[in-house]
Amino acid sequence: MSPITVVEGRRLSLTNLDKVLYPETGTTKGEVLHYCTTTAVPLLAHLHDRPLSFLRYPDGPDGQRFFTKNVPPGTPSWVTTCEVPHSRSGPTRQVLLQDLPALVWAANLVVELHTPQWTRQAPGVADRLVFDLDPGAPATIVECCTAAQWLHDRLAADGLDVYAKTSGSKGLHLIVPVEPTPSERTTAYARSLAVEAAAALPDLVVHKMTKALRPGKVFIDFSQNAAAKTTAVAYTLRARATPTVSAPVTWDEIAGCTDPRQLTFLFDEIEPRCARYGDLLAPLLDPDRARPLPAAGSRRPGTARGEPRADGGPDGRSHRVRPRP
């Protein structure tokens, strides 16, 4: 029989707790659930009121993986759901993880957690802007850090604050709190900055998804700002060879990164980081930090479209990411 546990008054059946999900580190499903409970406070804060998309990998990252936005069969009646409009298929229902019992229920399914840039109160109206910096081998997260610093300065010139986290895979996510803005406009603005970055750093950055352009460069993916797209939420475990986490990082860590291992965080490193730094992305939860996007066509003083900057970057050597003890 599966053990029954009670979480804040909700009875949950937890299955296969001894099952090894990450063979490379021997990490079990029980350890995954424990991680979700120990990071529940910041994780739930970033999940609050955002419809969930699940990447499920019940047999570990080497097994079957499938992506779903619909409410999974057998979802308990006490798990909050909401109706989400879709222009093509009509409205659907998606899960909201609003409390610890719901988070433990979802963790028992073995999932990556992905959210849109808007909340259920205003579908398609973004309160966050995101850039996904994805390195093409032999480039690594080290090169992403150079591109991230350029974007940081460029966003600051437009009066916008920007916060960073690892993707938990190969690259970086930059997140900007913005006043409520239609997703079409945030996407257009993000695209314009990706184009500028590619012009300013032509040997480092590309803004097109074309695979032939990407080896050795950083692809700045702006498309995740589209209303229908989602991004891995902060603190989620990823379905990778090792139990890596999409972990908030400081700008000092980004500036000092010379090896991918410096910005690779396994699940057992997150609780000590939270104890040291708190939630580095907490400002995203403060509506007073949000700023308006600049008016269409505005430009920072003295800078023409595509004007290069004298930014250099590390070489493109690849490094093997090794598990941390």
C-alpha atoms as a PDB file:
ATOM      1  CA  MET A   1       0.000   0.000   0.000  1.00  0.00           C
ATOM      2  CA  SER A   2       1.103   3.564  -0.676  1.00  0.00           C
ATOM      3  CA  PRO A   3       1.788   5.545   2.483  1.00  0.00           C
ATOM      4  CA  ILE A   4      -0.826   8.114   3.442  1.00  0.00           C
ATOM      5  CA  THR A   5       0.356  11.417   4.781  1.00  0.00           C
ATOM      6  CA  VAL A   6      -1.610  14.401   6.045  1.00  0.00           C
ATOM      7  CA  VAL A   7      -0.449  17.822   4.871  1.00  0.00           C
ATOM      8  CA  GLU A   8      -2.236  20.764   6.452  1.00  0.00           C
ATOM      9  CA  GLY A   9      -5.336  18.646   6.917  1.00  0.00           C
ATOM     10  CA  ARG A  10      -5.322  17.085   3.432  1.00  0.00           C
ATOM     11  CA  ARG A  11      -4.789  13.324   3.068  1.00  0.00           C
ATOM     12  CA  LEU A  12      -2.362  12.382   0.329  1.00  0.00           C
ATOM     13  CA  SER A  13      -1.271   9.010  -1.004  1.00  0.00           C
ATOM     14  CA  LEU A  14       2.427   9.188  -1.846  1.00  0.00           C
ATOM     15  CA  THR A  15       3.731   6.527  -4.204  1.00  0.00           C
ATOM     16  CA  ASN A  16       7.102   4.874  -4.903  1.00  0.00           C
ATOM     17  CA  LEU A  17       9.077   7.047  -2.487  1.00  0.00           C
ATOM     18  CA  ASP A  18      12.167   4.815  -2.779  1.00  0.00           C
ATOM     19  CA  LYS A  19      12.172   4.948  -6.589  1.00  0.00           C
ATOM     20  CA  VAL A  20      15.410   6.370  -7.991  1.00  0.00           C
ATOM     21  CA  LEU A  21      14.538   9.204 -10.358  1.00  0.00           C
ATOM     22  CA  TYR A  22      18.060  10.497 -11.013  1.00  0.00           C
ATOM     23  CA  PRO A  23      20.379   7.470 -11.412  1.00  0.00           C
ATOM     24  CA  GLU A  24      23.519   9.592 -11.766  1.00  0.00           C
ATOM     25  CA  THR A  25      23.139  10.899  -8.203  1.00  0.00           C
ATOM     26  CA  GLY A  26      20.889   8.169  -6.774  1.00  0.00           C
ATOM     27  CA  THR A  27      18.216  10.764  -5.942  1.00  0.00           C
ATOM     28  CA  THR A  28      14.912   9.191  -4.968  1.00  0.00           C
ATOM     29  CA  LYS A  29      11.349  10.375  -5.362  1.00  0.00           C
ATOM     30  CA  GLY A  30      11.131  10.778  -1.600  1.00  0.00           C
ATOM     31  CA  GLU A  31      14.065  13.188  -1.691  1.00  0.00           C
ATOM     32  CA  VAL A  32      12.359  15.135  -4.479  1.00  0.00           C
ATOM     33  CA  LEU A  33       9.215  15.512  -2.368  1.00  0.00           C
ATOM     34  CA  HIS A  34      11.322  16.576   0.613  1.00  0.00           C
ATOM     35  CA  TYR A  35      12.988  19.248  -1.536  1.00  0.00           C
ATOM     36  CA  CYS A  36       9.606  20.648  -2.579  1.00  0.00           C
ATOM     37  CA  THR A  37       8.465  20.922   1.037  1.00  0.00           C
ATOM     38  CA  THR A  38      11.662  22.628   2.226  1.00  0.00           C
ATOM     39  CA  THR A  39      11.483  25.244  -0.552  1.00  0.00           C
ATOM     40  CA  ALA A  40       7.702  25.565  -0.504  1.00  0.00           C
ATOM     41  CA  VAL A  41       7.584  29.165   0.749  1.00  0.00           C
ATOM     42  CA  PRO A  42       9.447  30.822  -2.153  1.00  0.00           C
ATOM     43  CA  LEU A  43       8.247  28.244  -4.688  1.00  0.00           C
ATOM     44  CA  LEU A  44       4.567  28.779  -3.860  1.00  0.00           C
ATOM     45  CA  ALA A  45       5.055  32.545  -3.882  1.00  0.00           C
ATOM     46  CA  HIS A  46       6.186  32.423  -7.527  1.00  0.00           C
ATOM     47  CA  LEU A  47       3.470  29.927  -8.458  1.00  0.00           C
ATOM     48  CA  HIS A  48       0.623  31.874  -6.853  1.00  0.00           C
ATOM     49  CA  ASP A  49      -2.304  32.562  -9.200  1.00  0.00           C
ATOM     50  CA  ARG A  50      -0.380  31.386 -12.280  1.00  0.00           C
ATOM     51  CA  PRO A  51      -1.949  28.547 -14.299  1.00  0.00           C
ATOM     52  CA  LEU A  52       0.387  25.571 -14.412  1.00  0.00           C
ATOM     53  CA  SER A  53       1.817  23.606 -17.279  1.00  0.00           C
ATOM     54  CA  PHE A  54       3.432  20.346 -16.238  1.00  0.00           C
ATOM     55  CA  LEU A  55       6.358  18.563 -17.837  1.00  0.00           C
ATOM     56  CA  ARG A  56       5.896  15.109 -16.328  1.00  0.00           C
ATOM     57  CA  TYR A  57       8.743  12.583 -16.084  1.00  0.00           C
ATOM     58  CA  PRO A  58       7.448   9.860 -13.729  1.00  0.00           C
ATOM     59  CA  ASP A  59      10.271   7.438 -14.571  1.00  0.00           C
ATOM     60  CA  GLY A  60      13.029  10.021 -14.350  1.00  0.00           C
ATOM     61  CA  PRO A  61      14.627  12.185 -17.041  1.00  0.00           C
ATOM     62  CA  ASP A  62      15.637   9.123 -19.089  1.00  0.00           C
ATOM     63  CA  GLY A  63      12.073   7.805 -19.226  1.00  0.00           C
ATOM     64  CA  GLN A  64       8.966   9.030 -20.982  1.00  0.00           C
ATOM     65  CA  ARG A  65       8.358  12.779 -20.717  1.00  0.00           C
ATOM     66  CA  PHE A  66       5.174  14.560 -21.680  1.00  0.00           C
ATOM     67  CA  PHE A  67       3.867  18.108 -21.429  1.00  0.00           C
ATOM     68  CA  THR A  68       0.336  18.901 -20.311  1.00  0.00           C
ATOM     69  CA  LYS A  69      -1.636  22.020 -19.518  1.00  0.00           C
ATOM     70  CA  ASN A  70      -4.952  20.336 -18.742  1.00  0.00           C
ATOM     71  CA  VAL A  71      -5.930  19.264 -15.241  1.00  0.00           C
ATOM     72  CA  PRO A  72      -4.522  15.707 -14.832  1.00  0.00           C
ATOM     73  CA  PRO A  73      -6.986  12.853 -14.335  1.00  0.00           C
ATOM     74  CA  GLY A  74      -7.501  12.042 -10.655  1.00  0.00           C
ATOM     75  CA  THR A  75      -6.709  15.561  -9.445  1.00  0.00           C
ATOM     76  CA  PRO A  76      -8.201  15.965  -5.948  1.00  0.00           C
ATOM     77  CA  SER A  77     -11.275  18.177  -5.767  1.00  0.00           C
ATOM     78  CA  TRP A  78      -9.541  20.461  -3.277  1.00  0.00           C
ATOM     79  CA  VAL A  79      -6.774  21.409  -5.734  1.00  0.00           C
ATOM     80  CA  THR A  80      -7.601  24.832  -7.149  1.00  0.00           C
ATOM     81  CA  THR A  81      -8.135  25.075 -10.909  1.00  0.00           C
ATOM     82  CA  CYS A  82      -9.086  27.916 -13.197  1.00  0.00           C
ATOM     83  CA  GLU A  83     -10.467  28.410 -16.673  1.00  0.00           C
ATOM     84  CA  VAL A  84      -7.941  29.707 -19.159  1.00  0.00           C
ATOM     85  CA  PRO A  85      -8.992  31.131 -22.543  1.00  0.00           C
ATOM     86  CA  HIS A  86      -7.351  29.818 -25.695  1.00  0.00           C
ATOM     87  CA  SER A  87      -7.894  31.517 -29.016  1.00  0.00           C
ATOM     88  CA  ARG A  88      -7.849  28.309 -31.062  1.00  0.00           C
ATOM     89  CA  SER A  89      -9.253  25.537 -28.896  1.00  0.00           C
ATOM     90  CA  GLY A  90     -11.557  27.467 -26.590  1.00  0.00           C
ATOM     91  CA  PRO A  91     -11.240  27.660 -22.799  1.00  0.00           C
ATOM     92  CA  THR A  92      -9.502  24.909 -20.828  1.00  0.00           C
ATOM     93  CA  ARG A  93      -8.996  24.258 -17.130  1.00  0.00           C
ATOM     94  CA  GLN A  94      -5.525  24.346 -15.598  1.00  0.00           C
ATOM     95  CA  VAL A  95      -4.132  23.724 -12.141  1.00  0.00           C
ATOM     96  CA  LEU A  96      -3.160  26.450  -9.676  1.00  0.00           C
ATOM     97  CA  LEU A  97      -0.771  25.461  -6.893  1.00  0.00           C
ATOM     98  CA  GLN A  98      -1.865  27.756  -4.094  1.00  0.00           C
ATOM     99  CA  ASP A  99      -0.855  25.844  -0.960  1.00  0.00           C
ATOM    100  CA  LEU A 100       1.467  23.161   0.416  1.00  0.00           C
ATOM    101  CA  PRO A 101      -0.909  20.173   0.017  1.00  0.00           C
ATOM    102  CA  ALA A 102      -1.381  20.983  -3.667  1.00  0.00           C
ATOM    103  CA  LEU A 103       2.382  21.369  -4.136  1.00  0.00           C
ATOM    104  CA  VAL A 104       3.055  17.968  -2.514  1.00  0.00           C
ATOM    105  CA  TRP A 105       0.333  16.403  -4.679  1.00  0.00           C
ATOM    106  CA  ALA A 106       1.982  17.820  -7.820  1.00  0.00           C
ATOM    107  CA  ALA A 107       5.469  16.785  -6.692  1.00  0.00           C
ATOM    108  CA  ASN A 108       4.178  13.219  -6.285  1.00  0.00           C
ATOM    109  CA  LEU A 109       3.400  13.256 -10.028  1.00  0.00           C
ATOM    110  CA  VAL A 110       7.097  14.122 -10.693  1.00  0.00           C
ATOM    111  CA  VAL A 111       6.884  17.331 -12.682  1.00  0.00           C
ATOM    112  CA  GLU A 112       8.692  20.391 -13.881  1.00  0.00           C
ATOM    113  CA  LEU A 113       6.547  23.455 -13.178  1.00  0.00           C
ATOM    114  CA  HIS A 114       6.056  26.039 -15.931  1.00  0.00           C
ATOM    115  CA  THR A 115       4.036  29.270 -15.728  1.00  0.00           C
ATOM    116  CA  PRO A 116       3.025  32.092 -18.089  1.00  0.00           C
ATOM    117  CA  GLN A 117       4.050  35.712 -17.552  1.00  0.00           C
ATOM    118  CA  TRP A 118       0.512  36.612 -16.428  1.00  0.00           C
ATOM    119  CA  THR A 119      -1.861  35.616 -13.633  1.00  0.00           C
ATOM    120  CA  ARG A 120      -5.364  34.187 -13.738  1.00  0.00           C
ATOM    121  CA  GLN A 121      -6.823  37.620 -12.960  1.00  0.00           C
ATOM    122  CA  ALA A 122      -5.666  38.958 -16.335  1.00  0.00           C
ATOM    123  CA  PRO A 123      -4.902  36.268 -18.924  1.00  0.00           C
ATOM    124  CA  GLY A 124      -2.625  37.602 -21.633  1.00  0.00           C
ATOM    125  CA  VAL A 125      -1.739  40.747 -19.677  1.00  0.00           C
ATOM    126  CA  ALA A 126       1.840  40.318 -18.512  1.00  0.00           C
ATOM    127  CA  ASP A 127       3.279  41.484 -15.218  1.00  0.00           C
ATOM    128  CA  ARG A 128       6.683  40.033 -16.064  1.00  0.00           C
ATOM    129  CA  LEU A 129       9.023  40.190 -19.026  1.00  0.00           C
ATOM    130  CA  VAL A 130      11.402  37.285 -19.625  1.00  0.00           C
ATOM    131  CA  PHE A 131      14.510  36.596 -21.686  1.00  0.00           C
ATOM    132  CA  ASP A 132      15.684  32.991 -22.049  1.00  0.00           C
ATOM    133  CA  LEU A 133      19.410  32.948 -22.801  1.00  0.00           C
ATOM    134  CA  ASP A 134      20.235  29.626 -24.436  1.00  0.00           C
ATOM    135  CA  PRO A 135      23.855  28.795 -25.365  1.00  0.00           C
ATOM    136  CA  GLY A 136      24.699  26.794 -28.465  1.00  0.00           C
ATOM    137  CA  ALA A 137      27.658  24.455 -27.907  1.00  0.00           C
ATOM    138  CA  PRO A 138      30.516  25.023 -27.439  1.00  0.00           C
ATOM    139  CA  ALA A 139      29.156  28.163 -25.756  1.00  0.00           C
ATOM    140  CA  THR A 140      27.963  27.660 -22.179  1.00  0.00           C
ATOM    141  CA  ILE A 141      26.325  29.641 -19.420  1.00  0.00           C
ATOM    142  CA  VAL A 142      29.597  31.583 -19.176  1.00  0.00           C
ATOM    143  CA  GLU A 143      28.815  33.262 -22.494  1.00  0.00           C
ATOM    144  CA  CYS A 144      25.221  33.727 -21.348  1.00  0.00           C
ATOM    145  CA  CYS A 145      26.548  35.803 -18.467  1.00  0.00           C
ATOM    146  CA  THR A 146      28.181  38.266 -20.859  1.00  0.00           C
ATOM    147  CA  ALA A 147      24.940  38.637 -22.805  1.00  0.00           C
ATOM    148  CA  ALA A 148      23.014  38.961 -19.529  1.00  0.00           C
ATOM    149  CA  GLN A 149      25.153  41.872 -18.376  1.00  0.00           C
ATOM    150  CA  TRP A 150      24.558  43.674 -21.675  1.00  0.00           C
ATOM    151  CA  LEU A 151      20.805  43.189 -21.280  1.00  0.00           C
ATOM    152  CA  HIS A 152      20.976  44.303 -17.643  1.00  0.00           C
ATOM    153  CA  ASP A 153      22.547  47.614 -18.657  1.00  0.00           C
ATOM    154  CA  ARG A 154      20.178  48.064 -21.587  1.00  0.00           C
ATOM    155  CA  LEU A 155      17.087  47.424 -19.449  1.00  0.00           C
ATOM    156  CA  ALA A 156      18.409  49.751 -16.754  1.00  0.00           C
ATOM    157  CA  ALA A 157      18.720  52.467 -19.392  1.00  0.00           C
ATOM    158  CA  ASP A 158      14.970  52.075 -19.924  1.00  0.00           C
ATOM    159  CA  GLY A 159      14.342  52.368 -16.191  1.00  0.00           C
ATOM    160  CA  LEU A 160      13.653  48.663 -15.678  1.00  0.00           C
ATOM    161  CA  ASP A 161      14.916  46.372 -12.930  1.00  0.00           C
ATOM    162  CA  VAL A 162      16.025  42.891 -13.932  1.00  0.00           C
ATOM    163  CA  TYR A 163      16.567  39.730 -11.893  1.00  0.00           C
ATOM    164  CA  ALA A 164      18.255  36.505 -12.879  1.00  0.00           C
ATOM    165  CA  LYS A 165      18.042  32.773 -12.343  1.00  0.00           C
ATOM    166  CA  THR A 166      19.625  29.772 -13.942  1.00  0.00           C
ATOM    167  CA  SER A 167      17.360  27.856 -16.261  1.00  0.00           C
ATOM    168  CA  GLY A 168      18.378  24.670 -14.467  1.00  0.00           C
ATOM    169  CA  SER A 169      19.469  23.389 -17.865  1.00  0.00           C
ATOM    170  CA  LYS A 170      22.187  25.182 -19.852  1.00  0.00           C
ATOM    171  CA  GLY A 171      21.412  28.881 -19.689  1.00  0.00           C
ATOM    172  CA  LEU A 172      19.970  31.842 -17.838  1.00  0.00           C
ATOM    173  CA  HIS A 173      16.552  33.452 -17.448  1.00  0.00           C
ATOM    174  CA  LEU A 174      16.277  37.209 -16.962  1.00  0.00           C
ATOM    175  CA  ILE A 175      12.990  38.427 -15.481  1.00  0.00           C
ATOM    176  CA  VAL A 176      11.734  42.011 -15.368  1.00  0.00           C
ATOM    177  CA  PRO A 177       8.725  43.170 -13.298  1.00  0.00           C
ATOM    178  CA  VAL A 178       6.511  45.369 -15.461  1.00  0.00           C
ATOM    179  CA  GLU A 179       3.249  47.189 -15.045  1.00  0.00           C
ATOM    180  CA  PRO A 180       0.369  45.196 -16.573  1.00  0.00           C
ATOM    181  CA  THR A 181       1.018  45.150 -20.310  1.00  0.00           C
ATOM    182  CA  PRO A 182      -0.539  43.148 -23.159  1.00  0.00           C
ATOM    183  CA  SER A 183       1.661  40.178 -23.995  1.00  0.00           C
ATOM    184  CA  GLU A 184       1.899  41.286 -27.619  1.00  0.00           C
ATOM    185  CA  ARG A 185       3.640  44.453 -26.483  1.00  0.00           C
ATOM    186  CA  THR A 186       6.031  42.778 -24.048  1.00  0.00           C
ATOM    187  CA  THR A 187       6.955  40.329 -26.798  1.00  0.00           C
ATOM    188  CA  ALA A 188       7.631  43.145 -29.258  1.00  0.00           C
ATOM    189  CA  TYR A 189       9.772  45.020 -26.728  1.00  0.00           C
ATOM    190  CA  ALA A 190      11.750  41.897 -25.808  1.00  0.00           C
ATOM    191  CA  ARG A 191      12.311  41.171 -29.478  1.00  0.00           C
ATOM    192  CA  SER A 192      13.620  44.704 -30.080  1.00  0.00           C
ATOM    193  CA  LEU A 193      16.202  44.272 -27.321  1.00  0.00           C
ATOM    194  CA  ALA A 194      17.231  40.862 -28.616  1.00  0.00           C
ATOM    195  CA  VAL A 195      17.799  42.431 -32.043  1.00  0.00           C
ATOM    196  CA  GLU A 196      19.834  45.252 -30.464  1.00  0.00           C
ATOM    197  CA  ALA A 197      21.923  42.756 -28.497  1.00  0.00           C
ATOM    198  CA  ALA A 198      22.670  40.763 -31.650  1.00  0.00           C
ATOM    199  CA  ALA A 199      23.795  43.956 -33.392  1.00  0.00           C
ATOM    200  CA  ALA A 200      25.896  45.093 -30.433  1.00  0.00           C
ATOM    201  CA  LEU A 201      27.481  41.675 -29.808  1.00  0.00           C
ATOM    202  CA  PRO A 202      27.492  40.007 -33.245  1.00  0.00           C
ATOM    203  CA  ASP A 203      30.163  37.467 -32.320  1.00  0.00           C
ATOM    204  CA  LEU A 204      28.245  36.376 -29.231  1.00  0.00           C
ATOM    205  CA  VAL A 205      24.474  36.790 -29.656  1.00  0.00           C
ATOM    206  CA  VAL A 206      21.781  35.705 -32.108  1.00  0.00           C
ATOM    207  CA  HIS A 207      18.110  36.616 -31.946  1.00  0.00           C
ATOM    208  CA  LYS A 208      16.854  34.092 -34.502  1.00  0.00           C
ATOM    209  CA  MET A 209      16.029  30.493 -33.606  1.00  0.00           C
ATOM    210  CA  THR A 210      17.649  29.100 -36.750  1.00  0.00           C
ATOM    211  CA  LYS A 211      19.872  26.249 -35.536  1.00  0.00           C
ATOM    212  CA  ALA A 212      22.571  26.913 -38.111  1.00  0.00           C
ATOM    213  CA  LEU A 213      23.195  30.344 -36.556  1.00  0.00           C
ATOM    214  CA  ARG A 214      23.509  29.165 -32.970  1.00  0.00           C
ATOM    215  CA  PRO A 215      26.712  27.096 -32.521  1.00  0.00           C
ATOM    216  CA  GLY A 216      29.089  28.976 -30.225  1.00  0.00           C
ATOM    217  CA  LYS A 217      26.581  31.782 -29.612  1.00  0.00           C
ATOM    218  CA  VAL A 218      23.863  32.751 -27.179  1.00  0.00           C
ATOM    219  CA  PHE A 219      20.324  32.684 -28.514  1.00  0.00           C
ATOM    220  CA  ILE A 220      18.173  35.312 -26.795  1.00  0.00           C
ATOM    221  CA  ASP A 221      14.723  33.766 -26.855  1.00  0.00           C
ATOM    222  CA  PHE A 222      12.097  36.480 -26.453  1.00  0.00           C
ATOM    223  CA  SER A 223       9.191  34.289 -27.579  1.00  0.00           C
ATOM    224  CA  GLN A 224       8.318  33.100 -24.075  1.00  0.00           C
ATOM    225  CA  ASN A 225       6.626  36.455 -23.544  1.00  0.00           C
ATOM    226  CA  ALA A 226       3.811  35.357 -25.850  1.00  0.00           C
ATOM    227  CA  ALA A 227       0.554  34.822 -23.958  1.00  0.00           C
ATOM    228  CA  ALA A 228       0.428  31.114 -24.822  1.00  0.00           C
ATOM    229  CA  LYS A 229       4.032  30.385 -23.802  1.00  0.00           C
ATOM    230  CA  THR A 230       5.408  29.366 -20.414  1.00  0.00           C
ATOM    231  CA  THR A 231       8.754  29.399 -18.611  1.00  0.00           C
ATOM    232  CA  ALA A 232      10.166  27.106 -15.924  1.00  0.00           C
ATOM    233  CA  VAL A 233       9.322  28.696 -12.590  1.00  0.00           C
ATOM    234  CA  ALA A 234      12.000  29.626 -10.065  1.00  0.00           C
ATOM    235  CA  TYR A 235      13.004  26.740  -7.763  1.00  0.00           C
ATOM    236  CA  THR A 236      11.508  24.000  -9.937  1.00  0.00           C
ATOM    237  CA  LEU A 237      13.515  20.824 -10.369  1.00  0.00           C
ATOM    238  CA  ARG A 238      14.409  20.036 -13.965  1.00  0.00           C
ATOM    239  CA  ALA A 239      14.241  16.764 -15.861  1.00  0.00           C
ATOM    240  CA  ARG A 240      17.974  16.649 -16.469  1.00  0.00           C
ATOM    241  CA  ALA A 241      20.635  13.995 -15.883  1.00  0.00           C
ATOM    242  CA  THR A 242      21.146  15.349 -12.361  1.00  0.00           C
ATOM    243  CA  PRO A 243      18.567  17.061 -10.075  1.00  0.00           C
ATOM    244  CA  THR A 244      19.372  20.618 -11.092  1.00  0.00           C
ATOM    245  CA  VAL A 245      17.161  23.528 -10.092  1.00  0.00           C
ATOM    246  CA  SER A 246      16.171  26.781 -11.796  1.00  0.00           C
ATOM    247  CA  ALA A 247      17.949  28.800  -9.122  1.00  0.00           C
ATOM    248  CA  PRO A 248      17.954  32.567  -8.508  1.00  0.00           C
ATOM    249  CA  VAL A 249      21.449  34.058  -8.714  1.00  0.00           C
ATOM    250  CA  THR A 250      23.076  37.386  -7.913  1.00  0.00           C
ATOM    251  CA  TRP A 251      24.562  39.760 -10.449  1.00  0.00           C
ATOM    252  CA  ASP A 252      27.912  39.384  -8.693  1.00  0.00           C
ATOM    253  CA  GLU A 253      27.738  35.651  -9.374  1.00  0.00           C
ATOM    254  CA  ILE A 254      26.969  36.360 -13.010  1.00  0.00           C
ATOM    255  CA  ALA A 255      29.828  38.846 -13.315  1.00  0.00           C
ATOM    256  CA  GLY A 256      32.259  36.399 -11.724  1.00  0.00           C
ATOM    257  CA  CYS A 257      31.255  33.265 -13.643  1.00  0.00           C
ATOM    258  CA  THR A 258      34.185  31.668 -15.491  1.00  0.00           C
ATOM    259  CA  ASP A 259      33.060  28.025 -15.353  1.00  0.00           C
ATOM    260  CA  PRO A 260      29.558  26.527 -15.881  1.00  0.00           C
ATOM    261  CA  ARG A 261      29.866  24.609 -12.614  1.00  0.00           C
ATOM    262  CA  GLN A 262      29.759  27.908 -10.716  1.00  0.00           C
ATOM    263  CA  LEU A 263      26.140  28.391 -11.817  1.00  0.00           C
ATOM    264  CA  THR A 264      24.948  24.797 -11.665  1.00  0.00           C
ATOM    265  CA  PHE A 265      22.899  24.139  -8.543  1.00  0.00           C
ATOM    266  CA  LEU A 266      21.585  20.781  -7.387  1.00  0.00           C
ATOM    267  CA  PHE A 267      18.457  20.487  -5.258  1.00  0.00           C
ATOM    268  CA  ASP A 268      20.326  20.017  -1.976  1.00  0.00           C
ATOM    269  CA  GLU A 269      22.116  23.356  -2.440  1.00  0.00           C
ATOM    270  CA  ILE A 270      18.961  25.461  -2.589  1.00  0.00           C
ATOM    271  CA  GLU A 271      17.997  25.471   1.094  1.00  0.00           C
ATOM    272  CA  PRO A 272      21.455  26.784   2.152  1.00  0.00           C
ATOM    273  CA  ARG A 273      21.289  29.423  -0.600  1.00  0.00           C
ATOM    274  CA  CYS A 274      17.867  30.562   0.608  1.00  0.00           C
ATOM    275  CA  ALA A 275      19.218  30.734   4.164  1.00  0.00           C
ATOM    276  CA  ARG A 276      22.094  32.909   2.946  1.00  0.00           C
ATOM    277  CA  TYR A 277      20.352  35.153   0.431  1.00  0.00           C
ATOM    278  CA  GLY A 278      16.642  34.799   1.076  1.00  0.00           C
ATOM    279  CA  ASP A 279      14.557  34.751  -2.078  1.00  0.00           C
ATOM    280  CA  LEU A 280      16.587  36.733  -4.594  1.00  0.00           C
ATOM    281  CA  LEU A 281      13.491  37.017  -6.779  1.00  0.00           C
ATOM    282  CA  ALA A 282      11.241  38.375  -4.009  1.00  0.00           C
ATOM    283  CA  PRO A 283      11.193  41.855  -5.653  1.00  0.00           C
ATOM    284  CA  LEU A 284       9.182  40.310  -8.504  1.00  0.00           C
ATOM    285  CA  LEU A 285       6.355  39.798  -6.005  1.00  0.00           C
ATOM    286  CA  ASP A 286       6.265  43.480  -5.018  1.00  0.00           C
ATOM    287  CA  PRO A 287       3.932  45.430  -7.331  1.00  0.00           C
ATOM    288  CA  ASP A 288       5.753  48.645  -6.403  1.00  0.00           C
ATOM    289  CA  ARG A 289       8.838  47.328  -8.254  1.00  0.00           C
ATOM    290  CA  ALA A 290       6.963  47.096 -11.545  1.00  0.00           C
ATOM    291  CA  ARG A 291       7.733  49.779 -14.118  1.00  0.00           C
ATOM    292  CA  PRO A 292       6.091  50.677 -17.432  1.00  0.00           C
ATOM    293  CA  LEU A 293       7.647  49.601 -20.672  1.00  0.00           C
ATOM    294  CA  PRO A 294       9.085  52.533 -22.621  1.00  0.00           C
ATOM    295  CA  ALA A 295       6.936  53.987 -25.364  1.00  0.00           C
ATOM    296  CA  ALA A 296       7.265  52.316 -28.742  1.00  0.00           C
ATOM    297  CA  GLY A 297      10.247  53.642 -30.646  1.00  0.00           C
ATOM    298  CA  SER A 298      11.935  55.217 -27.626  1.00  0.00           C
ATOM    299  CA  ARG A 299      15.691  54.855 -27.360  1.00  0.00           C
ATOM    300  CA  ARG A 300      18.150  55.453 -24.545  1.00  0.00           C
ATOM    301  CA  PRO A 301      19.880  58.795 -24.952  1.00  0.00           C
ATOM    302  CA  GLY A 302      22.815  58.833 -27.340  1.00  0.00           C
ATOM    303  CA  THR A 303      22.349  55.277 -28.570  1.00  0.00           C
ATOM    304  CA  ALA A 304      21.201  54.457 -32.064  1.00  0.00           C
ATOM    305  CA  ARG A 305      19.501  51.213 -32.976  1.00  0.00           C
ATOM    306  CA  GLY A 306      22.097  48.454 -33.115  1.00  0.00           C
ATOM    307  CA  GLU A 307      24.993  50.640 -31.938  1.00  0.00           C
ATOM    308  CA  PRO A 308      27.807  48.310 -30.838  1.00  0.00           C
ATOM    309  CA  ARG A 309      29.260  48.320 -27.347  1.00  0.00           C
ATOM    310  CA  ALA A 310      32.819  47.443 -26.448  1.00  0.00           C
ATOM    311  CA  ASP A 311      31.891  44.261 -24.571  1.00  0.00           C
ATOM    312  CA  GLY A 312      34.192  41.303 -24.532  1.00  0.00           C
ATOM    313  CA  GLY A 313      33.523  37.804 -23.305  1.00  0.00           C
ATOM    314  CA  PRO A 314      35.207  34.570 -22.270  1.00  0.00           C
ATOM    315  CA  ASP A 315      36.109  31.994 -24.833  1.00  0.00           C
ATOM    316  CA  GLY A 316      33.700  29.277 -25.894  1.00  0.00           C
ATOM    317  CA  ARG A 317      35.312  26.302 -24.190  1.00  0.00           C
ATOM    318  CA  SER A 318      32.834  23.714 -22.998  1.00  0.00           C
ATOM    319  CA  HIS A 319      33.026  22.119 -19.551  1.00  0.00           C
ATOM    320  CA  ARG A 320      31.568  18.935 -18.166  1.00  0.00           C
ATOM    321  CA  VAL A 321      29.063  19.688 -15.413  1.00  0.00           C
ATOM    322  CA  ARG A 322      29.790  17.328 -12.574  1.00  0.00           C
ATOM    323  CA  PRO A 323      27.424  16.525  -9.703  1.00  0.00           C
ATOM    324  CA  ARG A 324      28.131  18.346  -6.480  1.00  0.00           C
ATOM    325  CA  PRO A 325      28.437  16.343  -3.252  1.00  0.00           C
END
